[in-house]
Amino acid sequence: HTQAQREDLCQLMFEVFSVRGLFVEAQATLALYACNKLTGVAVDCGHGTCDVAPVVDGVVQHAAAQRLMYGGEDVTRRLGRDVAAEGDARLGGAEAFQTHDEG
């Protein structure tokens, strides 16, 4: 998010919700903090995208970060097609592996 968006968030939280403190940090940095690391590569695969971000000494290297427009939804859809095509008996065939569209 932009600096202006972070400032707007802070203003909202302090003025409207009267929070006593607030910490805003990049998701990649927090993922590494959770592993007790300050430097590394965070890979975040979500429903629709995968983000890869290098972090050095707790600072995301935005110029080297990448977003792949491929996520868990795509993996699920592909696996469903493959199972349906092969009729894998170990999974009970295509009927046992149903995918759903969210819209």
PDB file of N, CA and C in Angstrom:
ATOM      1  N   HIS A   1       0.829  -1.195   0.000  1.00  0.00           N
ATOM      2  CA  HIS A   1       0.000   0.000   0.000  1.00  0.00           C
ATOM      3  C   HIS A   1       0.868   1.251   0.000  1.00  0.00           C
ATOM      4  N   THR A   2       0.288   2.328  -0.437  1.00  0.00           N
ATOM      5  CA  THR A   2       1.039   3.574  -0.499  1.00  0.00           C
ATOM      6  C   THR A   2       1.152   4.204   0.886  1.00  0.00           C
ATOM      7  N   GLN A   3       2.067   5.143   1.006  1.00  0.00           N
ATOM      8  CA  GLN A   3       2.237   5.872   2.265  1.00  0.00           C
ATOM      9  C   GLN A   3       0.936   6.580   2.643  1.00  0.00           C
ATOM     10  N   ALA A   4       0.261   7.173   1.664  1.00  0.00           N
ATOM     11  CA  ALA A   4      -1.000   7.878   1.935  1.00  0.00           C
ATOM     12  C   ALA A   4      -2.061   6.914   2.464  1.00  0.00           C
ATOM     13  N   GLN A   5      -2.125   5.711   1.916  1.00  0.00           N
ATOM     14  CA  GLN A   5      -3.094   4.723   2.393  1.00  0.00           C
ATOM     15  C   GLN A   5      -2.785   4.308   3.825  1.00  0.00           C
ATOM     16  N   ARG A   6      -1.511   4.129   4.138  1.00  0.00           N
ATOM     17  CA  ARG A   6      -1.129   3.775   5.512  1.00  0.00           C
ATOM     18  C   ARG A   6      -1.475   4.907   6.475  1.00  0.00           C
ATOM     19  N   GLU A   7      -1.242   6.138   6.054  1.00  0.00           N
ATOM     20  CA  GLU A   7      -1.581   7.286   6.896  1.00  0.00           C
ATOM     21  C   GLU A   7      -3.085   7.370   7.127  1.00  0.00           C
ATOM     22  N   ASP A   8      -3.874   7.138   6.077  1.00  0.00           N
ATOM     23  CA  ASP A   8      -5.337   7.142   6.221  1.00  0.00           C
ATOM     24  C   ASP A   8      -5.793   6.050   7.179  1.00  0.00           C
ATOM     25  N   LEU A   9      -5.188   4.874   7.080  1.00  0.00           N
ATOM     26  CA  LEU A   9      -5.522   3.779   7.986  1.00  0.00           C
ATOM     27  C   LEU A   9      -5.218   4.166   9.424  1.00  0.00           C
ATOM     28  N   CYS A  10      -4.044   4.733   9.647  1.00  0.00           N
ATOM     29  CA  CYS A  10      -3.661   5.149  11.005  1.00  0.00           C
ATOM     30  C   CYS A  10      -4.621   6.197  11.547  1.00  0.00           C
ATOM     31  N   GLN A  11      -4.949   7.171  10.725  1.00  0.00           N
ATOM     32  CA  GLN A  11      -5.877   8.218  11.162  1.00  0.00           C
ATOM     33  C   GLN A  11      -7.226   7.615  11.536  1.00  0.00           C
ATOM     34  N   LEU A  12      -7.734   6.725  10.716  1.00  0.00           N
ATOM     35  CA  LEU A  12      -9.011   6.065  10.994  1.00  0.00           C
ATOM     36  C   LEU A  12      -8.956   5.288  12.301  1.00  0.00           C
ATOM     37  N   MET A  13      -7.916   4.499  12.480  1.00  0.00           N
ATOM     38  CA  MET A  13      -7.816   3.666  13.678  1.00  0.00           C
ATOM     39  C   MET A  13      -7.713   4.505  14.949  1.00  0.00           C
ATOM     40  N   PHE A  14      -6.924   5.574  14.922  1.00  0.00           N
ATOM     41  CA  PHE A  14      -6.757   6.407  16.112  1.00  0.00           C
ATOM     42  C   PHE A  14      -7.972   7.292  16.374  1.00  0.00           C
ATOM     43  N   GLU A  15      -8.506   7.925  15.342  1.00  0.00           N
ATOM     44  CA  GLU A  15      -9.578   8.901  15.536  1.00  0.00           C
ATOM     45  C   GLU A  15     -10.961   8.276  15.640  1.00  0.00           C
ATOM     46  N   VAL A  16     -11.230   7.254  14.862  1.00  0.00           N
ATOM     47  CA  VAL A  16     -12.572   6.655  14.869  1.00  0.00           C
ATOM     48  C   VAL A  16     -12.673   5.522  15.884  1.00  0.00           C
ATOM     49  N   PHE A  17     -11.651   4.672  15.947  1.00  0.00           N
ATOM     50  CA  PHE A  17     -11.716   3.505  16.818  1.00  0.00           C
ATOM     51  C   PHE A  17     -10.944   3.677  18.121  1.00  0.00           C
ATOM     52  N   SER A  18     -10.283   4.794  18.294  1.00  0.00           N
ATOM     53  CA  SER A  18      -9.568   5.134  19.532  1.00  0.00           C
ATOM     54  C   SER A  18      -8.587   4.053  19.985  1.00  0.00           C
ATOM     55  N   VAL A  19      -7.872   3.463  19.028  1.00  0.00           N
ATOM     56  CA  VAL A  19      -6.870   2.475  19.420  1.00  0.00           C
ATOM     57  C   VAL A  19      -5.731   3.186  20.139  1.00  0.00           C
ATOM     58  N   ARG A  20      -5.067   2.480  21.035  1.00  0.00           N
ATOM     59  CA  ARG A  20      -3.973   3.067  21.802  1.00  0.00           C
ATOM     60  C   ARG A  20      -2.642   2.957  21.069  1.00  0.00           C
ATOM     61  N   GLY A  21      -2.548   2.009  20.180  1.00  0.00           N
ATOM     62  CA  GLY A  21      -1.323   1.823  19.416  1.00  0.00           C
ATOM     63  C   GLY A  21      -1.623   1.049  18.144  1.00  0.00           C
ATOM     64  N   LEU A  22      -0.745   1.156  17.172  1.00  0.00           N
ATOM     65  CA  LEU A  22      -0.967   0.501  15.887  1.00  0.00           C
ATOM     66  C   LEU A  22       0.385   0.201  15.248  1.00  0.00           C
ATOM     67  N   PHE A  23       0.513  -0.979  14.682  1.00  0.00           N
ATOM     68  CA  PHE A  23       1.734  -1.371  13.981  1.00  0.00           C
ATOM     69  C   PHE A  23       1.333  -1.849  12.600  1.00  0.00           C
ATOM     70  N   VAL A  24       1.828  -1.215  11.563  1.00  0.00           N
ATOM     71  CA  VAL A  24       1.528  -1.582  10.183  1.00  0.00           C
ATOM     72  C   VAL A  24       2.825  -2.067   9.543  1.00  0.00           C
ATOM     73  N   GLU A  25       2.791  -3.281   8.987  1.00  0.00           N
ATOM     74  CA  GLU A  25       4.004  -3.864   8.407  1.00  0.00           C
ATOM     75  C   GLU A  25       3.633  -4.708   7.198  1.00  0.00           C
ATOM     76  N   ALA A  26       4.564  -4.882   6.298  1.00  0.00           N
ATOM     77  CA  ALA A  26       4.362  -5.698   5.102  1.00  0.00           C
ATOM     78  C   ALA A  26       4.194  -7.165   5.482  1.00  0.00           C
ATOM     79  N   GLN A  27       3.316  -7.852   4.759  1.00  0.00           N
ATOM     80  CA  GLN A  27       3.033  -9.259   5.033  1.00  0.00           C
ATOM     81  C   GLN A  27       4.292 -10.118   4.923  1.00  0.00           C
ATOM     82  N   ALA A  28       5.140  -9.843   3.932  1.00  0.00           N
ATOM     83  CA  ALA A  28       6.365 -10.634   3.753  1.00  0.00           C
ATOM     84  C   ALA A  28       7.277 -10.515   4.968  1.00  0.00           C
ATOM     85  N   THR A  29       7.405  -9.308   5.502  1.00  0.00           N
ATOM     86  CA  THR A  29       8.242  -9.089   6.680  1.00  0.00           C
ATOM     87  C   THR A  29       7.677  -9.840   7.878  1.00  0.00           C
ATOM     88  N   LEU A  30       6.369  -9.788   8.051  1.00  0.00           N
ATOM     89  CA  LEU A  30       5.738 -10.480   9.181  1.00  0.00           C
ATOM     90  C   LEU A  30       5.888 -11.991   9.065  1.00  0.00           C
ATOM     91  N   ALA A  31       5.828 -12.512   7.836  1.00  0.00           N
ATOM     92  CA  ALA A  31       6.009 -13.955   7.640  1.00  0.00           C
ATOM     93  C   ALA A  31       7.398 -14.386   8.104  1.00  0.00           C
ATOM     94  N   LEU A  32       8.403 -13.575   7.810  1.00  0.00           N
ATOM     95  CA  LEU A  32       9.755 -13.914   8.255  1.00  0.00           C
ATOM     96  C   LEU A  32       9.902 -13.730   9.758  1.00  0.00           C
ATOM     97  N   TYR A  33       9.288 -12.682  10.318  1.00  0.00           N
ATOM     98  CA  TYR A  33       9.320 -12.493  11.773  1.00  0.00           C
ATOM     99  C   TYR A  33       8.771 -13.732  12.478  1.00  0.00           C
ATOM    100  N   ALA A  34       7.716 -14.329  11.902  1.00  0.00           N
ATOM    101  CA  ALA A  34       7.103 -15.513  12.504  1.00  0.00           C
ATOM    102  C   ALA A  34       8.073 -16.689  12.549  1.00  0.00           C
ATOM    103  N   CYS A  35       9.071 -16.674  11.672  1.00  0.00           N
ATOM    104  CA  CYS A  35      10.105 -17.717  11.639  1.00  0.00           C
ATOM    105  C   CYS A  35      11.371 -17.271  12.351  1.00  0.00           C
ATOM    106  N   ASN A  36      11.269 -16.151  13.062  1.00  0.00           N
ATOM    107  CA  ASN A  36      12.410 -15.585  13.789  1.00  0.00           C
ATOM    108  C   ASN A  36      13.569 -15.243  12.848  1.00  0.00           C
ATOM    109  N   LYS A  37      13.216 -14.726  11.663  1.00  0.00           N
ATOM    110  CA  LYS A  37      14.212 -14.338  10.657  1.00  0.00           C
ATOM    111  C   LYS A  37      13.989 -12.885  10.251  1.00  0.00           C
ATOM    112  N   LEU A  38      15.058 -12.206   9.890  1.00  0.00           N
ATOM    113  CA  LEU A  38      14.974 -10.849   9.355  1.00  0.00           C
ATOM    114  C   LEU A  38      15.273 -10.809   7.862  1.00  0.00           C
ATOM    115  N   THR A  39      15.937 -11.839   7.369  1.00  0.00           N
ATOM    116  CA  THR A  39      16.320 -11.897   5.964  1.00  0.00           C
ATOM    117  C   THR A  39      15.886 -13.236   5.390  1.00  0.00           C
ATOM    118  N   GLY A  40      15.273 -13.184   4.206  1.00  0.00           N
ATOM    119  CA  GLY A  40      14.825 -14.399   3.549  1.00  0.00           C
ATOM    120  C   GLY A  40      13.897 -14.061   2.402  1.00  0.00           C
ATOM    121  N   VAL A  41      13.268 -15.073   1.858  1.00  0.00           N
ATOM    122  CA  VAL A  41      12.304 -14.892   0.778  1.00  0.00           C
ATOM    123  C   VAL A  41      10.960 -15.412   1.266  1.00  0.00           C
ATOM    124  N   ALA A  42       9.961 -14.541   1.240  1.00  0.00           N
ATOM    125  CA  ALA A  42       8.612 -14.927   1.645  1.00  0.00           C
ATOM    126  C   ALA A  42       7.813 -15.299   0.401  1.00  0.00           C
ATOM    127  N   VAL A  43       7.170 -16.454   0.444  1.00  0.00           N
ATOM    128  CA  VAL A  43       6.309 -16.905  -0.646  1.00  0.00           C
ATOM    129  C   VAL A  43       4.914 -17.054  -0.068  1.00  0.00           C
ATOM    130  N   ASP A  44       3.977 -16.279  -0.590  1.00  0.00           N
ATOM    131  CA  ASP A  44       2.605 -16.267  -0.088  1.00  0.00           C
ATOM    132  C   ASP A  44       1.674 -16.665  -1.219  1.00  0.00           C
ATOM    133  N   CYS A  45       1.138 -17.880  -1.138  1.00  0.00           N
ATOM    134  CA  CYS A  45       0.214 -18.361  -2.160  1.00  0.00           C
ATOM    135  C   CYS A  45      -1.199 -18.275  -1.620  1.00  0.00           C
ATOM    136  N   GLY A  46      -2.007 -17.499  -2.299  1.00  0.00           N
ATOM    137  CA  GLY A  46      -3.392 -17.328  -1.903  1.00  0.00           C
ATOM    138  C   GLY A  46      -4.329 -17.950  -2.917  1.00  0.00           C
ATOM    139  N   HIS A  47      -5.586 -17.567  -2.858  1.00  0.00           N
ATOM    140  CA  HIS A  47      -6.626 -18.112  -3.720  1.00  0.00           C
ATOM    141  C   HIS A  47      -6.364 -17.794  -5.191  1.00  0.00           C
ATOM    142  N   GLY A  48      -5.970 -16.551  -5.469  1.00  0.00           N
ATOM    143  CA  GLY A  48      -5.829 -16.140  -6.856  1.00  0.00           C
ATOM    144  C   GLY A  48      -4.434 -15.771  -7.301  1.00  0.00           C
ATOM    145  N   THR A  49      -3.519 -15.536  -6.364  1.00  0.00           N
ATOM    146  CA  THR A  49      -2.165 -15.121  -6.730  1.00  0.00           C
ATOM    147  C   THR A  49      -1.134 -15.740  -5.795  1.00  0.00           C
ATOM    148  N   CYS A  50       0.111 -15.715  -6.243  1.00  0.00           N
ATOM    149  CA  CYS A  50       1.255 -16.062  -5.398  1.00  0.00           C
ATOM    150  C   CYS A  50       2.208 -14.878  -5.424  1.00  0.00           C
ATOM    151  N   ASP A  51       2.617 -14.423  -4.252  1.00  0.00           N
ATOM    152  CA  ASP A  51       3.558 -13.319  -4.134  1.00  0.00           C
ATOM    153  C   ASP A  51       4.881 -13.851  -3.603  1.00  0.00           C
ATOM    154  N   VAL A  52       5.965 -13.428  -4.232  1.00  0.00           N
ATOM    155  CA  VAL A  52       7.313 -13.803  -3.813  1.00  0.00           C
ATOM    156  C   VAL A  52       8.058 -12.506  -3.529  1.00  0.00           C
ATOM    157  N   ALA A  53       8.545 -12.354  -2.288  1.00  0.00           N
ATOM    158  CA  ALA A  53       9.188 -11.101  -1.904  1.00  0.00           C
ATOM    159  C   ALA A  53      10.448 -11.357  -1.089  1.00  0.00           C
ATOM    160  N   PRO A  54      11.586 -10.893  -1.579  1.00  0.00           N
ATOM    161  CA  PRO A  54      12.799 -10.975  -0.766  1.00  0.00           C
ATOM    162  C   PRO A  54      12.775  -9.898   0.314  1.00  0.00           C
ATOM    163  N   VAL A  55      13.270 -10.257   1.489  1.00  0.00           N
ATOM    164  CA  VAL A  55      13.325  -9.337   2.624  1.00  0.00           C
ATOM    165  C   VAL A  55      14.762  -9.349   3.140  1.00  0.00           C
ATOM    166  N   VAL A  56      15.348  -8.169   3.289  1.00  0.00           N
ATOM    167  CA  VAL A  56      16.720  -8.041   3.786  1.00  0.00           C
ATOM    168  C   VAL A  56      16.696  -7.164   5.030  1.00  0.00           C
ATOM    169  N   ASP A  57      17.151  -7.711   6.138  1.00  0.00           N
ATOM    170  CA  ASP A  57      17.166  -6.996   7.421  1.00  0.00           C
ATOM    171  C   ASP A  57      15.809  -6.376   7.748  1.00  0.00           C
ATOM    172  N   GLY A  58      14.736  -7.118   7.481  1.00  0.00           N
ATOM    173  CA  GLY A  58      13.391  -6.670   7.815  1.00  0.00           C
ATOM    174  C   GLY A  58      12.760  -5.710   6.828  1.00  0.00           C
ATOM    175  N   VAL A  59      13.421  -5.446   5.703  1.00  0.00           N
ATOM    176  CA  VAL A  59      12.901  -4.506   4.705  1.00  0.00           C
ATOM    177  C   VAL A  59      12.616  -5.261   3.406  1.00  0.00           C
ATOM    178  N   VAL A  60      11.366  -5.171   2.928  1.00  0.00           N
ATOM    179  CA  VAL A  60      10.993  -5.821   1.674  1.00  0.00           C
ATOM    180  C   VAL A  60      11.715  -5.133   0.519  1.00  0.00           C
ATOM    181  N   GLN A  61      12.291  -5.934  -0.352  1.00  0.00           N
ATOM    182  CA  GLN A  61      12.967  -5.421  -1.544  1.00  0.00           C
ATOM    183  C   GLN A  61      11.950  -5.393  -2.686  1.00  0.00           C
ATOM    184  N   HIS A  62      11.143  -4.328  -2.714  1.00  0.00           N
ATOM    185  CA  HIS A  62      10.011  -4.250  -3.644  1.00  0.00           C
ATOM    186  C   HIS A  62      10.425  -4.376  -5.109  1.00  0.00           C
ATOM    187  N   ALA A  63      11.594  -3.863  -5.470  1.00  0.00           N
ATOM    188  CA  ALA A  63      12.042  -3.932  -6.865  1.00  0.00           C
ATOM    189  C   ALA A  63      12.249  -5.372  -7.328  1.00  0.00           C
ATOM    190  N   ALA A  64      12.509  -6.271  -6.403  1.00  0.00           N
ATOM    191  CA  ALA A  64      12.752  -7.673  -6.752  1.00  0.00           C
ATOM    192  C   ALA A  64      11.542  -8.563  -6.481  1.00  0.00           C
ATOM    193  N   ALA A  65      10.484  -8.016  -5.911  1.00  0.00           N
ATOM    194  CA  ALA A  65       9.288  -8.805  -5.594  1.00  0.00           C
ATOM    195  C   ALA A  65       8.515  -9.124  -6.871  1.00  0.00           C
ATOM    196  N   GLN A  66       7.834 -10.264  -6.863  1.00  0.00           N
ATOM    197  CA  GLN A  66       7.057 -10.704  -8.020  1.00  0.00           C
ATOM    198  C   GLN A  66       5.680 -11.171  -7.582  1.00  0.00           C
ATOM    199  N   ARG A  67       4.688 -10.925  -8.424  1.00  0.00           N
ATOM    200  CA  ARG A  67       3.341 -11.462  -8.211  1.00  0.00           C
ATOM    201  C   ARG A  67       3.006 -12.354  -9.394  1.00  0.00           C
ATOM    202  N   LEU A  68       2.656 -13.586  -9.095  1.00  0.00           N
ATOM    203  CA  LEU A  68       2.231 -14.534 -10.117  1.00  0.00           C
ATOM    204  C   LEU A  68       0.713 -14.592 -10.097  1.00  0.00           C
ATOM    205  N   MET A  69       0.111 -14.448 -11.249  1.00  0.00           N
ATOM    206  CA  MET A  69      -1.344 -14.482 -11.330  1.00  0.00           C
ATOM    207  C   MET A  69      -1.823 -15.936 -11.423  1.00  0.00           C
ATOM    208  N   TYR A  70      -1.388 -16.722 -10.464  1.00  0.00           N
ATOM    209  CA  TYR A  70      -1.702 -18.144 -10.392  1.00  0.00           C
ATOM    210  C   TYR A  70      -1.761 -18.489  -8.916  1.00  0.00           C
ATOM    211  N   GLY A  71      -2.849 -19.060  -8.481  1.00  0.00           N
ATOM    212  CA  GLY A  71      -2.984 -19.337  -7.061  1.00  0.00           C
ATOM    213  C   GLY A  71      -3.654 -20.667  -6.785  1.00  0.00           C
ATOM    214  N   GLY A  72      -4.112 -20.825  -5.570  1.00  0.00           N
ATOM    215  CA  GLY A  72      -4.719 -22.071  -5.129  1.00  0.00           C
ATOM    216  C   GLY A  72      -5.936 -22.477  -5.936  1.00  0.00           C
ATOM    217  N   GLU A  73      -6.721 -21.504  -6.356  1.00  0.00           N
ATOM    218  CA  GLU A  73      -7.893 -21.797  -7.179  1.00  0.00           C
ATOM    219  C   GLU A  73      -7.475 -22.488  -8.478  1.00  0.00           C
ATOM    220  N   ASP A  74      -6.404 -22.007  -9.079  1.00  0.00           N
ATOM    221  CA  ASP A  74      -5.912 -22.593 -10.327  1.00  0.00           C
ATOM    222  C   ASP A  74      -5.382 -24.007 -10.112  1.00  0.00           C
ATOM    223  N   VAL A  75      -4.685 -24.226  -9.008  1.00  0.00           N
ATOM    224  CA  VAL A  75      -4.163 -25.553  -8.682  1.00  0.00           C
ATOM    225  C   VAL A  75      -5.319 -26.533  -8.488  1.00  0.00           C
ATOM    226  N   THR A  76      -6.341 -26.102  -7.753  1.00  0.00           N
ATOM    227  CA  THR A  76      -7.507 -26.955  -7.515  1.00  0.00           C
ATOM    228  C   THR A  76      -8.211 -27.295  -8.822  1.00  0.00           C
ATOM    229  N   ARG A  77      -8.404 -26.300  -9.670  1.00  0.00           N
ATOM    230  CA  ARG A  77      -9.077 -26.525 -10.948  1.00  0.00           C
ATOM    231  C   ARG A  77      -8.276 -27.505 -11.812  1.00  0.00           C
ATOM    232  N   ARG A  78      -6.958 -27.322 -11.874  1.00  0.00           N
ATOM    233  CA  ARG A  78      -6.109 -28.199 -12.682  1.00  0.00           C
ATOM    234  C   ARG A  78      -6.138 -29.628 -12.152  1.00  0.00           C
ATOM    235  N   LEU A  79      -6.033 -29.776 -10.837  1.00  0.00           N
ATOM    236  CA  LEU A  79      -6.068 -31.109 -10.242  1.00  0.00           C
ATOM    237  C   LEU A  79      -7.403 -31.786 -10.526  1.00  0.00           C
ATOM    238  N   GLY A  80      -8.488 -31.022 -10.431  1.00  0.00           N
ATOM    239  CA  GLY A  80      -9.810 -31.575 -10.732  1.00  0.00           C
ATOM    240  C   GLY A  80      -9.907 -32.068 -12.164  1.00  0.00           C
ATOM    241  N   ARG A  81      -9.373 -31.291 -13.105  1.00  0.00           N
ATOM    242  CA  ARG A  81      -9.384 -31.710 -14.516  1.00  0.00           C
ATOM    243  C   ARG A  81      -8.543 -32.962 -14.724  1.00  0.00           C
ATOM    244  N   ASP A  82      -7.367 -32.998 -14.088  1.00  0.00           N
ATOM    245  CA  ASP A  82      -6.487 -34.156 -14.242  1.00  0.00           C
ATOM    246  C   ASP A  82      -7.121 -35.418 -13.672  1.00  0.00           C
ATOM    247  N   VAL A  83      -7.735 -35.300 -12.508  1.00  0.00           N
ATOM    248  CA  VAL A  83      -8.387 -36.461 -11.894  1.00  0.00           C
ATOM    249  C   VAL A  83      -9.561 -36.911 -12.750  1.00  0.00           C
ATOM    250  N   ALA A  84     -10.337 -35.956 -13.254  1.00  0.00           N
ATOM    251  CA  ALA A  84     -11.478 -36.308 -14.101  1.00  0.00           C
ATOM    252  C   ALA A  84     -11.013 -37.002 -15.381  1.00  0.00           C
ATOM    253  N   ALA A  85      -9.907 -36.539 -15.941  1.00  0.00           N
ATOM    254  CA  ALA A  85      -9.397 -37.125 -17.185  1.00  0.00           C
ATOM    255  C   ALA A  85      -8.850 -38.532 -16.969  1.00  0.00           C
ATOM    256  N   GLU A  86      -8.209 -38.751 -15.844  1.00  0.00           N
ATOM    257  CA  GLU A  86      -7.595 -40.044 -15.566  1.00  0.00           C
ATOM    258  C   GLU A  86      -8.550 -41.013 -14.889  1.00  0.00           C
ATOM    259  N   GLY A  87      -9.568 -40.486 -14.192  1.00  0.00           N
ATOM    260  CA  GLY A  87     -10.475 -41.353 -13.451  1.00  0.00           C
ATOM    261  C   GLY A  87      -9.740 -42.139 -12.387  1.00  0.00           C
ATOM    262  N   ASP A  88      -8.883 -41.483 -11.642  1.00  0.00           N
ATOM    263  CA  ASP A  88      -8.024 -42.121 -10.638  1.00  0.00           C
ATOM    264  C   ASP A  88      -8.864 -42.890  -9.616  1.00  0.00           C
ATOM    265  N   ALA A  89      -8.774 -44.202  -9.641  1.00  0.00           N
ATOM    266  CA  ALA A  89      -9.567 -45.058  -8.752  1.00  0.00           C
ATOM    267  C   ALA A  89      -9.207 -44.845  -7.288  1.00  0.00           C
ATOM    268  N   ARG A  90      -7.953 -44.463  -7.015  1.00  0.00           N
ATOM    269  CA  ARG A  90      -7.547 -44.252  -5.618  1.00  0.00           C
ATOM    270  C   ARG A  90      -8.314 -43.099  -4.982  1.00  0.00           C
ATOM    271  N   LEU A  91      -8.751 -42.150  -5.793  1.00  0.00           N
ATOM    272  CA  LEU A  91      -9.523 -41.019  -5.274  1.00  0.00           C
ATOM    273  C   LEU A  91     -11.019 -41.228  -5.457  1.00  0.00           C
ATOM    274  N   GLY A  92     -11.405 -42.369  -5.965  1.00  0.00           N
ATOM    275  CA  GLY A  92     -12.820 -42.639  -6.168  1.00  0.00           C
ATOM    276  C   GLY A  92     -13.349 -42.060  -7.466  1.00  0.00           C
ATOM    277  N   GLY A  93     -12.467 -41.740  -8.390  1.00  0.00           N
ATOM    278  CA  GLY A  93     -12.887 -41.185  -9.667  1.00  0.00           C
ATOM    279  C   GLY A  93     -13.208 -39.710  -9.561  1.00  0.00           C
ATOM    280  N   ALA A  94     -13.659 -39.158 -10.661  1.00  0.00           N
ATOM    281  CA  ALA A  94     -13.927 -37.720 -10.738  1.00  0.00           C
ATOM    282  C   ALA A  94     -15.027 -37.288  -9.785  1.00  0.00           C
ATOM    283  N   GLU A  95     -15.970 -38.160  -9.489  1.00  0.00           N
ATOM    284  CA  GLU A  95     -17.089 -37.788  -8.616  1.00  0.00           C
ATOM    285  C   GLU A  95     -16.627 -37.464  -7.202  1.00  0.00           C
ATOM    286  N   ALA A  96     -15.533 -38.083  -6.774  1.00  0.00           N
ATOM    287  CA  ALA A  96     -15.048 -37.874  -5.407  1.00  0.00           C
ATOM    288  C   ALA A  96     -14.277 -36.569  -5.262  1.00  0.00           C
ATOM    289  N   PHE A  97     -13.889 -35.982  -6.390  1.00  0.00           N
ATOM    290  CA  PHE A  97     -13.105 -34.747  -6.332  1.00  0.00           C
ATOM    291  C   PHE A  97     -13.885 -33.666  -7.052  1.00  0.00           C
ATOM    292  N   GLN A  98     -14.683 -32.955  -6.323  1.00  0.00           N
ATOM    293  CA  GLN A  98     -15.509 -31.905  -6.907  1.00  0.00           C
ATOM    294  C   GLN A  98     -14.879 -30.546  -6.667  1.00  0.00           C
ATOM    295  N   THR A  99     -14.845 -29.735  -7.700  1.00  0.00           N
ATOM    296  CA  THR A  99     -14.416 -28.348  -7.548  1.00  0.00           C
ATOM    297  C   THR A  99     -15.650 -27.474  -7.634  1.00  0.00           C
ATOM    298  N   HIS A 100     -15.531 -26.251  -7.169  1.00  0.00           N
ATOM    299  CA  HIS A 100     -16.667 -25.341  -7.220  1.00  0.00           C
ATOM    300  C   HIS A 100     -16.224 -23.990  -7.749  1.00  0.00           C
ATOM    301  N   ASP A 101     -17.109 -23.323  -8.426  1.00  0.00           N
ATOM    302  CA  ASP A 101     -16.855 -21.962  -8.885  1.00  0.00           C
ATOM    303  C   ASP A 101     -17.491 -21.010  -7.902  1.00  0.00           C
ATOM    304  N   GLU A 102     -16.762 -19.924  -7.611  1.00  0.00           N
ATOM    305  CA  GLU A 102     -17.288 -18.933  -6.682  1.00  0.00           C
ATOM    306  C   GLU A 102     -17.909 -17.759  -7.413  1.00  0.00           C
ATOM    307  N   GLY A 103     -18.089 -17.904  -8.692  1.00  0.00           N
ATOM    308  CA  GLY A 103     -18.826 -16.856  -9.314  1.00  0.00           C
ATOM    309  C   GLY A 103     -18.333 -16.317 -10.543  1.00  0.00           C
TER     310      GLY A 103
END
